[in-house]
Amino acid sequence: MILKKITKKSQELKQSYNQIEKYYHKLLKDSNVDNWDYIILTASNKDQANIYEAEIKERIDKNQIPSNTTYLVIPDPNGKRVGSGGATLNALKNIYDGLKDKEELKEKRILMIHSGRR
């Protein structure tokens, strides 16, 4: 009985993995697939930001992440730790300042990932 449950769960996980993998490859090939407008990584400092930017560039060059998404790496201002809340506000301000039509921000799909301490 337990073996049947484990086998069924394994099959479900494999099926989910296969669906995700198909979507991932579709995302890389089709620019019309619904995707994030911005993916933002916050960084503790400029050195950490430089490492993240290099990694993103490499992955775009190797077609491992969608190239039609805008990737931003935003370090804490002036090298001072501002916490997740401060980093969020700083990142959103950075996007907002770059938009010609400020109302456009309402329509953007944004994924923000906060880094830990270095």
PDB file of N, CA and C in Angstrom:
ATOM      1  N   MET A   1       0.815  -1.193   0.000  1.00  0.00           N
ATOM      2  CA  MET A   1       0.000   0.000   0.000  1.00  0.00           C
ATOM      3  C   MET A   1       0.867   1.269   0.000  1.00  0.00           C
ATOM      4  N   ILE A   2       1.870   1.314   0.869  1.00  0.00           N
ATOM      5  CA  ILE A   2       2.745   2.479   0.942  1.00  0.00           C
ATOM      6  C   ILE A   2       3.539   2.622  -0.357  1.00  0.00           C
ATOM      7  N   LEU A   3       3.993   1.487  -0.907  1.00  0.00           N
ATOM      8  CA  LEU A   3       4.758   1.513  -2.150  1.00  0.00           C
ATOM      9  C   LEU A   3       3.918   2.087  -3.300  1.00  0.00           C
ATOM     10  N   LYS A   4       2.634   1.756  -3.345  1.00  0.00           N
ATOM     11  CA  LYS A   4       1.739   2.294  -4.386  1.00  0.00           C
ATOM     12  C   LYS A   4       1.623   3.810  -4.257  1.00  0.00           C
ATOM     13  N   LYS A   5       1.510   4.305  -3.020  1.00  0.00           N
ATOM     14  CA  LYS A   5       1.395   5.753  -2.792  1.00  0.00           C
ATOM     15  C   LYS A   5       2.672   6.461  -3.227  1.00  0.00           C
ATOM     16  N   ILE A   6       3.817   5.871  -2.896  1.00  0.00           N
ATOM     17  CA  ILE A   6       5.099   6.462  -3.275  1.00  0.00           C
ATOM     18  C   ILE A   6       5.237   6.480  -4.794  1.00  0.00           C
ATOM     19  N   THR A   7       4.885   5.373  -5.438  1.00  0.00           N
ATOM     20  CA  THR A   7       4.977   5.279  -6.893  1.00  0.00           C
ATOM     21  C   THR A   7       4.059   6.297  -7.556  1.00  0.00           C
ATOM     22  N   LYS A   8       2.830   6.423  -7.037  1.00  0.00           N
ATOM     23  CA  LYS A   8       1.888   7.388  -7.603  1.00  0.00           C
ATOM     24  C   LYS A   8       2.412   8.811  -7.434  1.00  0.00           C
ATOM     25  N   LYS A   9       2.967   9.124  -6.261  1.00  0.00           N
ATOM     26  CA  LYS A   9       3.510  10.457  -6.002  1.00  0.00           C
ATOM     27  C   LYS A   9       4.686  10.725  -6.927  1.00  0.00           C
ATOM     28  N   SER A  10       5.531   9.730  -7.147  1.00  0.00           N
ATOM     29  CA  SER A  10       6.672   9.879  -8.055  1.00  0.00           C
ATOM     30  C   SER A  10       6.207  10.171  -9.479  1.00  0.00           C
ATOM     31  N   GLN A  11       5.166   9.492  -9.914  1.00  0.00           N
ATOM     32  CA  GLN A  11       4.623   9.719 -11.257  1.00  0.00           C
ATOM     33  C   GLN A  11       4.042  11.129 -11.370  1.00  0.00           C
ATOM     34  N   GLU A  12       3.359  11.580 -10.329  1.00  0.00           N
ATOM     35  CA  GLU A  12       2.792  12.935 -10.339  1.00  0.00           C
ATOM     36  C   GLU A  12       3.894  13.983 -10.389  1.00  0.00           C
ATOM     37  N   LEU A  13       4.963  13.781  -9.615  1.00  0.00           N
ATOM     38  CA  LEU A  13       6.086  14.710  -9.618  1.00  0.00           C
ATOM     39  C   LEU A  13       6.773  14.741 -10.986  1.00  0.00           C
ATOM     40  N   LYS A  14       6.935  13.581 -11.584  1.00  0.00           N
ATOM     41  CA  LYS A  14       7.559  13.505 -12.908  1.00  0.00           C
ATOM     42  C   LYS A  14       6.700  14.230 -13.946  1.00  0.00           C
ATOM     43  N   GLN A  15       5.393  14.042 -13.866  1.00  0.00           N
ATOM     44  CA  GLN A  15       4.479  14.711 -14.794  1.00  0.00           C
ATOM     45  C   GLN A  15       4.553  16.235 -14.604  1.00  0.00           C
ATOM     46  N   SER A  16       4.569  16.678 -13.359  1.00  0.00           N
ATOM     47  CA  SER A  16       4.676  18.118 -13.083  1.00  0.00           C
ATOM     48  C   SER A  16       5.990  18.668 -13.612  1.00  0.00           C
ATOM     49  N   TYR A  17       7.061  17.944 -13.391  1.00  0.00           N
ATOM     50  CA  TYR A  17       8.375  18.365 -13.877  1.00  0.00           C
ATOM     51  C   TYR A  17       8.358  18.496 -15.398  1.00  0.00           C
ATOM     52  N   ASN A  18       7.787  17.515 -16.084  1.00  0.00           N
ATOM     53  CA  ASN A  18       7.734  17.550 -17.549  1.00  0.00           C
ATOM     54  C   ASN A  18       6.927  18.743 -18.051  1.00  0.00           C
ATOM     55  N   GLN A  19       5.829  19.068 -17.375  1.00  0.00           N
ATOM     56  CA  GLN A  19       5.018  20.230 -17.766  1.00  0.00           C
ATOM     57  C   GLN A  19       5.800  21.526 -17.565  1.00  0.00           C
ATOM     58  N   ILE A  20       6.492  21.621 -16.457  1.00  0.00           N
ATOM     59  CA  ILE A  20       7.292  22.816 -16.177  1.00  0.00           C
ATOM     60  C   ILE A  20       8.422  22.950 -17.200  1.00  0.00           C
ATOM     61  N   GLU A  21       9.058  21.843 -17.529  1.00  0.00           N
ATOM     62  CA  GLU A  21      10.149  21.874 -18.502  1.00  0.00           C
ATOM     63  C   GLU A  21       9.645  22.323 -19.876  1.00  0.00           C
ATOM     64  N   LYS A  22       8.475  21.845 -20.291  1.00  0.00           N
ATOM     65  CA  LYS A  22       7.887  22.275 -21.568  1.00  0.00           C
ATOM     66  C   LYS A  22       7.620  23.777 -21.553  1.00  0.00           C
ATOM     67  N   TYR A  23       7.054  24.255 -20.460  1.00  0.00           N
ATOM     68  CA  TYR A  23       6.757  25.685 -20.348  1.00  0.00           C
ATOM     69  C   TYR A  23       8.041  26.507 -20.377  1.00  0.00           C
ATOM     70  N   TYR A  24       9.058  26.039 -19.692  1.00  0.00           N
ATOM     71  CA  TYR A  24      10.359  26.722 -19.662  1.00  0.00           C
ATOM     72  C   TYR A  24      10.912  26.867 -21.080  1.00  0.00           C
ATOM     73  N   HIS A  25      10.897  25.797 -21.856  1.00  0.00           N
ATOM     74  CA  HIS A  25      11.429  25.856 -23.216  1.00  0.00           C
ATOM     75  C   HIS A  25      10.567  26.745 -24.114  1.00  0.00           C
ATOM     76  N   LYS A  26       9.273  26.717 -23.900  1.00  0.00           N
ATOM     77  CA  LYS A  26       8.379  27.597 -24.650  1.00  0.00           C
ATOM     78  C   LYS A  26       8.675  29.058 -24.312  1.00  0.00           C
ATOM     79  N   LEU A  27       8.933  29.326 -23.046  1.00  0.00           N
ATOM     80  CA  LEU A  27       9.258  30.672 -22.576  1.00  0.00           C
ATOM     81  C   LEU A  27      10.519  31.206 -23.250  1.00  0.00           C
ATOM     82  N   LEU A  28      11.493  30.330 -23.449  1.00  0.00           N
ATOM     83  CA  LEU A  28      12.745  30.741 -24.072  1.00  0.00           C
ATOM     84  C   LEU A  28      12.591  30.995 -25.570  1.00  0.00           C
ATOM     85  N   LYS A  29      11.642  30.312 -26.213  1.00  0.00           N
ATOM     86  CA  LYS A  29      11.490  30.416 -27.669  1.00  0.00           C
ATOM     87  C   LYS A  29      10.450  31.435 -28.106  1.00  0.00           C
ATOM     88  N   ASP A  30       9.408  31.616 -27.309  1.00  0.00           N
ATOM     89  CA  ASP A  30       8.256  32.404 -27.746  1.00  0.00           C
ATOM     90  C   ASP A  30       8.138  33.680 -26.931  1.00  0.00           C
ATOM     91  N   SER A  31       8.377  34.813 -27.562  1.00  0.00           N
ATOM     92  CA  SER A  31       8.322  36.091 -26.845  1.00  0.00           C
ATOM     93  C   SER A  31       6.897  36.503 -26.494  1.00  0.00           C
ATOM     94  N   ASN A  32       5.900  35.804 -27.015  1.00  0.00           N
ATOM     95  CA  ASN A  32       4.508  36.134 -26.703  1.00  0.00           C
ATOM     96  C   ASN A  32       3.989  35.425 -25.453  1.00  0.00           C
ATOM     97  N   VAL A  33       4.795  34.539 -24.885  1.00  0.00           N
ATOM     98  CA  VAL A  33       4.383  33.836 -23.670  1.00  0.00           C
ATOM     99  C   VAL A  33       4.338  34.844 -22.527  1.00  0.00           C
ATOM    100  N   ASP A  34       3.273  34.768 -21.741  1.00  0.00           N
ATOM    101  CA  ASP A  34       3.127  35.666 -20.598  1.00  0.00           C
ATOM    102  C   ASP A  34       4.325  35.486 -19.668  1.00  0.00           C
ATOM    103  N   ASN A  35       5.004  36.570 -19.381  1.00  0.00           N
ATOM    104  CA  ASN A  35       6.246  36.494 -18.631  1.00  0.00           C
ATOM    105  C   ASN A  35       6.381  37.725 -17.748  1.00  0.00           C
ATOM    106  N   TRP A  36       7.386  37.743 -16.891  1.00  0.00           N
ATOM    107  CA  TRP A  36       7.665  38.911 -16.065  1.00  0.00           C
ATOM    108  C   TRP A  36       8.177  40.043 -16.941  1.00  0.00           C
ATOM    109  N   ASP A  37       7.736  41.265 -16.651  1.00  0.00           N
ATOM    110  CA  ASP A  37       8.295  42.427 -17.337  1.00  0.00           C
ATOM    111  C   ASP A  37       9.663  42.759 -16.742  1.00  0.00           C
ATOM    112  N   TYR A  38       9.750  42.633 -15.432  1.00  0.00           N
ATOM    113  CA  TYR A  38      11.000  42.906 -14.722  1.00  0.00           C
ATOM    114  C   TYR A  38      11.271  41.781 -13.738  1.00  0.00           C
ATOM    115  N   ILE A  39      12.515  41.384 -13.676  1.00  0.00           N
ATOM    116  CA  ILE A  39      12.979  40.550 -12.576  1.00  0.00           C
ATOM    117  C   ILE A  39      14.086  41.353 -11.912  1.00  0.00           C
ATOM    118  N   ILE A  40      13.881  41.631 -10.642  1.00  0.00           N
ATOM    119  CA  ILE A  40      14.790  42.486  -9.897  1.00  0.00           C
ATOM    120  C   ILE A  40      15.460  41.662  -8.802  1.00  0.00           C
ATOM    121  N   LEU A  41      16.759  41.775  -8.741  1.00  0.00           N
ATOM    122  CA  LEU A  41      17.506  41.208  -7.625  1.00  0.00           C
ATOM    123  C   LEU A  41      18.067  42.376  -6.840  1.00  0.00           C
ATOM    124  N   THR A  42      17.830  42.377  -5.555  1.00  0.00           N
ATOM    125  CA  THR A  42      18.448  43.400  -4.728  1.00  0.00           C
ATOM    126  C   THR A  42      19.763  42.825  -4.209  1.00  0.00           C
ATOM    127  N   ALA A  43      20.710  43.705  -4.008  1.00  0.00           N
ATOM    128  CA  ALA A  43      22.034  43.282  -3.558  1.00  0.00           C
ATOM    129  C   ALA A  43      22.465  44.137  -2.371  1.00  0.00           C
ATOM    130  N   SER A  44      23.268  43.558  -1.520  1.00  0.00           N
ATOM    131  CA  SER A  44      23.747  44.273  -0.331  1.00  0.00           C
ATOM    132  C   SER A  44      24.706  45.394  -0.677  1.00  0.00           C
ATOM    133  N   ASN A  45      25.455  45.210  -1.769  1.00  0.00           N
ATOM    134  CA  ASN A  45      26.466  46.203  -2.136  1.00  0.00           C
ATOM    135  C   ASN A  45      26.780  46.081  -3.624  1.00  0.00           C
ATOM    136  N   LYS A  46      27.613  46.975  -4.112  1.00  0.00           N
ATOM    137  CA  LYS A  46      27.934  47.014  -5.544  1.00  0.00           C
ATOM    138  C   LYS A  46      28.697  45.772  -5.986  1.00  0.00           C
ATOM    139  N   ASP A  47      29.586  45.253  -5.148  1.00  0.00           N
ATOM    140  CA  ASP A  47      30.340  44.048  -5.512  1.00  0.00           C
ATOM    141  C   ASP A  47      29.403  42.868  -5.749  1.00  0.00           C
ATOM    142  N   GLN A  48      28.456  42.692  -4.836  1.00  0.00           N
ATOM    143  CA  GLN A  48      27.484  41.616  -4.981  1.00  0.00           C
ATOM    144  C   GLN A  48      26.640  41.841  -6.233  1.00  0.00           C
ATOM    145  N   ALA A  49      26.242  43.073  -6.485  1.00  0.00           N
ATOM    146  CA  ALA A  49      25.457  43.397  -7.679  1.00  0.00           C
ATOM    147  C   ALA A  49      26.226  43.047  -8.953  1.00  0.00           C
ATOM    148  N   ASN A  50      27.514  43.327  -8.981  1.00  0.00           N
ATOM    149  CA  ASN A  50      28.335  43.018 -10.159  1.00  0.00           C
ATOM    150  C   ASN A  50      28.369  41.517 -10.445  1.00  0.00           C
ATOM    151  N   ILE A  51      28.443  40.720  -9.391  1.00  0.00           N
ATOM    152  CA  ILE A  51      28.447  39.260  -9.543  1.00  0.00           C
ATOM    153  C   ILE A  51      27.106  38.804 -10.119  1.00  0.00           C
ATOM    154  N   TYR A  52      25.994  39.314  -9.584  1.00  0.00           N
ATOM    155  CA  TYR A  52      24.673  38.952 -10.083  1.00  0.00           C
ATOM    156  C   TYR A  52      24.501  39.368 -11.543  1.00  0.00           C
ATOM    157  N   GLU A  53      24.955  40.570 -11.883  1.00  0.00           N
ATOM    158  CA  GLU A  53      24.819  41.054 -13.261  1.00  0.00           C
ATOM    159  C   GLU A  53      25.598  40.171 -14.235  1.00  0.00           C
ATOM    160  N   ALA A  54      26.788  39.747 -13.841  1.00  0.00           N
ATOM    161  CA  ALA A  54      27.596  38.863 -14.696  1.00  0.00           C
ATOM    162  C   ALA A  54      26.893  37.522 -14.907  1.00  0.00           C
ATOM    163  N   GLU A  55      26.295  37.006 -13.845  1.00  0.00           N
ATOM    164  CA  GLU A  55      25.583  35.726 -13.934  1.00  0.00           C
ATOM    165  C   GLU A  55      24.370  35.848 -14.854  1.00  0.00           C
ATOM    166  N   ILE A  56      23.618  36.930 -14.727  1.00  0.00           N
ATOM    167  CA  ILE A  56      22.452  37.152 -15.589  1.00  0.00           C
ATOM    168  C   ILE A  56      22.887  37.254 -17.043  1.00  0.00           C
ATOM    169  N   LYS A  57      23.932  38.035 -17.299  1.00  0.00           N
ATOM    170  CA  LYS A  57      24.427  38.196 -18.677  1.00  0.00           C
ATOM    171  C   LYS A  57      24.821  36.849 -19.266  1.00  0.00           C
ATOM    172  N   GLU A  58      25.529  36.058 -18.501  1.00  0.00           N
ATOM    173  CA  GLU A  58      25.955  34.737 -18.980  1.00  0.00           C
ATOM    174  C   GLU A  58      24.754  33.856 -19.313  1.00  0.00           C
ATOM    175  N   ARG A  59      23.750  33.885 -18.458  1.00  0.00           N
ATOM    176  CA  ARG A  59      22.564  33.049 -18.692  1.00  0.00           C
ATOM    177  C   ARG A  59      21.748  33.526 -19.889  1.00  0.00           C
ATOM    178  N   ILE A  60      21.687  34.838 -20.105  1.00  0.00           N
ATOM    179  CA  ILE A  60      21.011  35.351 -21.301  1.00  0.00           C
ATOM    180  C   ILE A  60      21.793  34.917 -22.545  1.00  0.00           C
ATOM    181  N   ASP A  61      23.117  35.073 -22.511  1.00  0.00           N
ATOM    182  CA  ASP A  61      23.960  34.691 -23.641  1.00  0.00           C
ATOM    183  C   ASP A  61      23.815  33.206 -23.989  1.00  0.00           C
ATOM    184  N   LYS A  62      23.602  32.375 -22.985  1.00  0.00           N
ATOM    185  CA  LYS A  62      23.454  30.930 -23.200  1.00  0.00           C
ATOM    186  C   LYS A  62      21.992  30.527 -23.423  1.00  0.00           C
ATOM    187  N   ASN A  63      21.111  31.525 -23.505  1.00  0.00           N
ATOM    188  CA  ASN A  63      19.679  31.273 -23.697  1.00  0.00           C
ATOM    189  C   ASN A  63      19.092  30.369 -22.609  1.00  0.00           C
ATOM    190  N   GLN A  64      19.495  30.632 -21.371  1.00  0.00           N
ATOM    191  CA  GLN A  64      18.994  29.861 -20.247  1.00  0.00           C
ATOM    192  C   GLN A  64      17.875  30.587 -19.511  1.00  0.00           C
ATOM    193  N   ILE A  65      17.749  31.882 -19.771  1.00  0.00           N
ATOM    194  CA  ILE A  65      16.650  32.672 -19.198  1.00  0.00           C
ATOM    195  C   ILE A  65      16.081  33.555 -20.301  1.00  0.00           C
ATOM    196  N   PRO A  66      14.809  33.911 -20.202  1.00  0.00           N
ATOM    197  CA  PRO A  66      14.177  34.703 -21.271  1.00  0.00           C
ATOM    198  C   PRO A  66      14.879  36.047 -21.475  1.00  0.00           C
ATOM    199  N   SER A  67      15.132  36.379 -22.717  1.00  0.00           N
ATOM    200  CA  SER A  67      15.812  37.634 -23.029  1.00  0.00           C
ATOM    201  C   SER A  67      14.841  38.806 -23.173  1.00  0.00           C
ATOM    202  N   ASN A  68      13.544  38.525 -23.202  1.00  0.00           N
ATOM    203  CA  ASN A  68      12.566  39.610 -23.357  1.00  0.00           C
ATOM    204  C   ASN A  68      12.099  40.169 -22.008  1.00  0.00           C
ATOM    205  N   THR A  69      12.725  39.749 -20.943  1.00  0.00           N
ATOM    206  CA  THR A  69      12.465  40.286 -19.608  1.00  0.00           C
ATOM    207  C   THR A  69      13.572  41.290 -19.288  1.00  0.00           C
ATOM    208  N   THR A  70      13.219  42.356 -18.586  1.00  0.00           N
ATOM    209  CA  THR A  70      14.228  43.309 -18.130  1.00  0.00           C
ATOM    210  C   THR A  70      14.736  42.850 -16.765  1.00  0.00           C
ATOM    211  N   TYR A  71      16.022  42.618 -16.675  1.00  0.00           N
ATOM    212  CA  TYR A  71      16.647  42.190 -15.423  1.00  0.00           C
ATOM    213  C   TYR A  71      17.372  43.383 -14.822  1.00  0.00           C
ATOM    214  N   LEU A  72      17.092  43.646 -13.569  1.00  0.00           N
ATOM    215  CA  LEU A  72      17.761  44.728 -12.867  1.00  0.00           C
ATOM    216  C   LEU A  72      18.378  44.179 -11.590  1.00  0.00           C
ATOM    217  N   VAL A  73      19.588  44.597 -11.327  1.00  0.00           N
ATOM    218  CA  VAL A  73      20.229  44.280 -10.052  1.00  0.00           C
ATOM    219  C   VAL A  73      20.474  45.613  -9.376  1.00  0.00           C
ATOM    220  N   ILE A  74      19.876  45.773  -8.211  1.00  0.00           N
ATOM    221  CA  ILE A  74      19.920  47.067  -7.543  1.00  0.00           C
ATOM    222  C   ILE A  74      20.541  46.912  -6.155  1.00  0.00           C
ATOM    223  N   PRO A  75      21.733  47.474  -5.996  1.00  0.00           N
ATOM    224  CA  PRO A  75      22.380  47.392  -4.677  1.00  0.00           C
ATOM    225  C   PRO A  75      21.761  48.396  -3.707  1.00  0.00           C
ATOM    226  N   ASP A  76      21.928  48.128  -2.430  1.00  0.00           N
ATOM    227  CA  ASP A  76      21.499  49.091  -1.418  1.00  0.00           C
ATOM    228  C   ASP A  76      22.223  50.413  -1.677  1.00  0.00           C
ATOM    229  N   PRO A  77      21.529  51.534  -1.501  1.00  0.00           N
ATOM    230  CA  PRO A  77      22.136  52.837  -1.810  1.00  0.00           C
ATOM    231  C   PRO A  77      23.314  53.169  -0.889  1.00  0.00           C
ATOM    232  N   ASN A  78      24.340  53.683  -1.488  1.00  0.00           N
ATOM    233  CA  ASN A  78      25.535  54.138  -0.762  1.00  0.00           C
ATOM    234  C   ASN A  78      26.170  53.043   0.093  1.00  0.00           C
ATOM    235  N   GLY A  79      25.938  51.783  -0.270  1.00  0.00           N
ATOM    236  CA  GLY A  79      26.534  50.688   0.472  1.00  0.00           C
ATOM    237  C   GLY A  79      25.983  50.494   1.872  1.00  0.00           C
ATOM    238  N   LYS A  80      24.868  51.169   2.180  1.00  0.00           N
ATOM    239  CA  LYS A  80      24.265  51.062   3.519  1.00  0.00           C
ATOM    240  C   LYS A  80      23.117  50.070   3.477  1.00  0.00           C
ATOM    241  N   ARG A  81      23.097  49.159   4.429  1.00  0.00           N
ATOM    242  CA  ARG A  81      22.032  48.158   4.503  1.00  0.00           C
ATOM    243  C   ARG A  81      20.700  48.846   4.796  1.00  0.00           C
ATOM    244  N   VAL A  82      19.703  48.556   3.948  1.00  0.00           N
ATOM    245  CA  VAL A  82      18.400  49.194   4.127  1.00  0.00           C
ATOM    246  C   VAL A  82      17.292  48.189   4.427  1.00  0.00           C
ATOM    247  N   GLY A  83      17.616  46.903   4.454  1.00  0.00           N
ATOM    248  CA  GLY A  83      16.620  45.889   4.734  1.00  0.00           C
ATOM    249  C   GLY A  83      15.734  45.617   3.531  1.00  0.00           C
ATOM    250  N   SER A  84      14.884  44.617   3.651  1.00  0.00           N
ATOM    251  CA  SER A  84      14.026  44.222   2.530  1.00  0.00           C
ATOM    252  C   SER A  84      13.040  45.317   2.145  1.00  0.00           C
ATOM    253  N   GLY A  85      12.466  45.990   3.123  1.00  0.00           N
ATOM    254  CA  GLY A  85      11.503  47.053   2.835  1.00  0.00           C
ATOM    255  C   GLY A  85      12.151  48.210   2.098  1.00  0.00           C
ATOM    256  N   GLY A  86      13.302  48.637   2.587  1.00  0.00           N
ATOM    257  CA  GLY A  86      14.025  49.727   1.937  1.00  0.00           C
ATOM    258  C   GLY A  86      14.494  49.336   0.549  1.00  0.00           C
ATOM    259  N   ALA A  87      14.946  48.095   0.392  1.00  0.00           N
ATOM    260  CA  ALA A  87      15.398  47.616  -0.910  1.00  0.00           C
ATOM    261  C   ALA A  87      14.237  47.559  -1.900  1.00  0.00           C
ATOM    262  N   THR A  88      13.054  47.169  -1.412  1.00  0.00           N
ATOM    263  CA  THR A  88      11.871  47.132  -2.275  1.00  0.00           C
ATOM    264  C   THR A  88      11.529  48.525  -2.774  1.00  0.00           C
ATOM    265  N   LEU A  89      11.475  49.481  -1.867  1.00  0.00           N
ATOM    266  CA  LEU A  89      11.161  50.857  -2.264  1.00  0.00           C
ATOM    267  C   LEU A  89      12.212  51.409  -3.218  1.00  0.00           C
ATOM    268  N   ASN A  90      13.473  51.145  -2.946  1.00  0.00           N
ATOM    269  CA  ASN A  90      14.554  51.602  -3.798  1.00  0.00           C
ATOM    270  C   ASN A  90      14.431  51.009  -5.205  1.00  0.00           C
ATOM    271  N   ALA A  91      14.117  49.728  -5.294  1.00  0.00           N
ATOM    272  CA  ALA A  91      13.990  49.063  -6.590  1.00  0.00           C
ATOM    273  C   ALA A  91      12.787  49.604  -7.370  1.00  0.00           C
ATOM    274  N   LEU A  92      11.656  49.759  -6.702  1.00  0.00           N
ATOM    275  CA  LEU A  92      10.466  50.277  -7.387  1.00  0.00           C
ATOM    276  C   LEU A  92      10.691  51.713  -7.855  1.00  0.00           C
ATOM    277  N   LYS A  93      11.378  52.499  -7.046  1.00  0.00           N
ATOM    278  CA  LYS A  93      11.691  53.876  -7.450  1.00  0.00           C
ATOM    279  C   LYS A  93      12.580  53.865  -8.687  1.00  0.00           C
ATOM    280  N   ASN A  94      13.516  52.937  -8.726  1.00  0.00           N
ATOM    281  CA  ASN A  94      14.422  52.805  -9.859  1.00  0.00           C
ATOM    282  C   ASN A  94      13.638  52.529 -11.148  1.00  0.00           C
ATOM    283  N   ILE A  95      12.666  51.628 -11.082  1.00  0.00           N
ATOM    284  CA  ILE A  95      11.829  51.336 -12.257  1.00  0.00           C
ATOM    285  C   ILE A  95      10.984  52.551 -12.608  1.00  0.00           C
ATOM    286  N   TYR A  96      10.334  53.115 -11.609  1.00  0.00           N
ATOM    287  CA  TYR A  96       9.433  54.261 -11.797  1.00  0.00           C
ATOM    288  C   TYR A  96      10.165  55.416 -12.474  1.00  0.00           C
ATOM    289  N   ASP A  97      11.361  55.717 -12.010  1.00  0.00           N
ATOM    290  CA  ASP A  97      12.140  56.817 -12.579  1.00  0.00           C
ATOM    291  C   ASP A  97      12.489  56.568 -14.043  1.00  0.00           C
ATOM    292  N   GLY A  98      12.575  55.301 -14.452  1.00  0.00           N
ATOM    293  CA  GLY A  98      12.940  54.967 -15.829  1.00  0.00           C
ATOM    294  C   GLY A  98      11.773  54.937 -16.802  1.00  0.00           C
ATOM    295  N   LEU A  99      10.549  55.051 -16.288  1.00  0.00           N
ATOM    296  CA  LEU A  99       9.377  54.994 -17.158  1.00  0.00           C
ATOM    297  C   LEU A  99       8.988  56.381 -17.652  1.00  0.00           C
ATOM    298  N   LYS A 100       8.659  56.475 -18.928  1.00  0.00           N
ATOM    299  CA  LYS A 100       8.171  57.743 -19.470  1.00  0.00           C
ATOM    300  C   LYS A 100       6.753  57.993 -18.991  1.00  0.00           C
ATOM    301  N   ASP A 101       5.921  56.969 -19.087  1.00  0.00           N
ATOM    302  CA  ASP A 101       4.530  57.058 -18.636  1.00  0.00           C
ATOM    303  C   ASP A 101       4.440  56.391 -17.266  1.00  0.00           C
ATOM    304  N   LYS A 102       4.323  57.184 -16.236  1.00  0.00           N
ATOM    305  CA  LYS A 102       4.357  56.666 -14.861  1.00  0.00           C
ATOM    306  C   LYS A 102       3.183  55.733 -14.562  1.00  0.00           C
ATOM    307  N   GLU A 103       2.073  55.902 -15.262  1.00  0.00           N
ATOM    308  CA  GLU A 103       0.913  55.023 -15.067  1.00  0.00           C
ATOM    309  C   GLU A 103       1.218  53.597 -15.528  1.00  0.00           C
ATOM    310  N   GLU A 104       2.230  53.468 -16.363  1.00  0.00           N
ATOM    311  CA  GLU A 104       2.610  52.180 -16.916  1.00  0.00           C
ATOM    312  C   GLU A 104       3.034  51.185 -15.824  1.00  0.00           C
ATOM    313  N   LEU A 105       3.525  51.705 -14.709  1.00  0.00           N
ATOM    314  CA  LEU A 105       3.989  50.836 -13.622  1.00  0.00           C
ATOM    315  C   LEU A 105       2.875  49.916 -13.122  1.00  0.00           C
ATOM    316  N   LYS A 106       1.628  50.405 -13.159  1.00  0.00           N
ATOM    317  CA  LYS A 106       0.489  49.607 -12.692  1.00  0.00           C
ATOM    318  C   LYS A 106       0.318  48.323 -13.497  1.00  0.00           C
ATOM    319  N   GLU A 107       0.747  48.354 -14.748  1.00  0.00           N
ATOM    320  CA  GLU A 107       0.538  47.227 -15.656  1.00  0.00           C
ATOM    321  C   GLU A 107       1.703  46.234 -15.663  1.00  0.00           C
ATOM    322  N   LYS A 108       2.789  46.587 -15.031  1.00  0.00           N
ATOM    323  CA  LYS A 108       3.994  45.761 -15.098  1.00  0.00           C
ATOM    324  C   LYS A 108       3.918  44.566 -14.159  1.00  0.00           C
ATOM    325  N   ARG A 109       4.441  43.448 -14.647  1.00  0.00           N
ATOM    326  CA  ARG A 109       4.580  42.246 -13.825  1.00  0.00           C
ATOM    327  C   ARG A 109       6.020  42.218 -13.331  1.00  0.00           C
ATOM    328  N   ILE A 110       6.168  42.305 -12.013  1.00  0.00           N
ATOM    329  CA  ILE A 110       7.500  42.450 -11.414  1.00  0.00           C
ATOM    330  C   ILE A 110       7.743  41.330 -10.408  1.00  0.00           C
ATOM    331  N   LEU A 111       8.867  40.662 -10.575  1.00  0.00           N
ATOM    332  CA  LEU A 111       9.313  39.670  -9.603  1.00  0.00           C
ATOM    333  C   LEU A 111      10.547  40.264  -8.919  1.00  0.00           C
ATOM    334  N   MET A 112      10.503  40.343  -7.606  1.00  0.00           N
ATOM    335  CA  MET A 112      11.635  40.904  -6.860  1.00  0.00           C
ATOM    336  C   MET A 112      12.199  39.826  -5.933  1.00  0.00           C
ATOM    337  N   ILE A 113      13.503  39.652  -6.006  1.00  0.00           N
ATOM    338  CA  ILE A 113      14.181  38.656  -5.183  1.00  0.00           C
ATOM    339  C   ILE A 113      15.222  39.395  -4.342  1.00  0.00           C
ATOM    340  N   HIS A 114      15.094  39.271  -3.034  1.00  0.00           N
ATOM    341  CA  HIS A 114      16.033  39.939  -2.133  1.00  0.00           C
ATOM    342  C   HIS A 114      17.181  38.999  -1.799  1.00  0.00           C
ATOM    343  N   SER A 115      18.377  39.545  -1.878  1.00  0.00           N
ATOM    344  CA  SER A 115      19.547  38.742  -1.543  1.00  0.00           C
ATOM    345  C   SER A 115      19.756  38.735  -0.036  1.00  0.00           C
ATOM    346  N   GLY A 116      20.503  37.774   0.393  1.00  0.00           N
ATOM    347  CA  GLY A 116      20.883  37.746   1.804  1.00  0.00           C
ATOM    348  C   GLY A 116      22.163  38.521   1.994  1.00  0.00           C
ATOM    349  N   ARG A 117      22.664  38.504   3.188  1.00  0.00           N
ATOM    350  CA  ARG A 117      23.938  39.180   3.463  1.00  0.00           C
ATOM    351  C   ARG A 117      25.060  38.459   2.775  1.00  0.00           C
ATOM    352  N   ARG A 118      26.054  39.195   2.500  1.00  0.00           N
ATOM    353  CA  ARG A 118      27.240  38.609   1.847  1.00  0.00           C
ATOM    354  C   ARG A 118      28.255  38.231   2.882  1.00  0.00           C
TER     355      ARG A 118
END
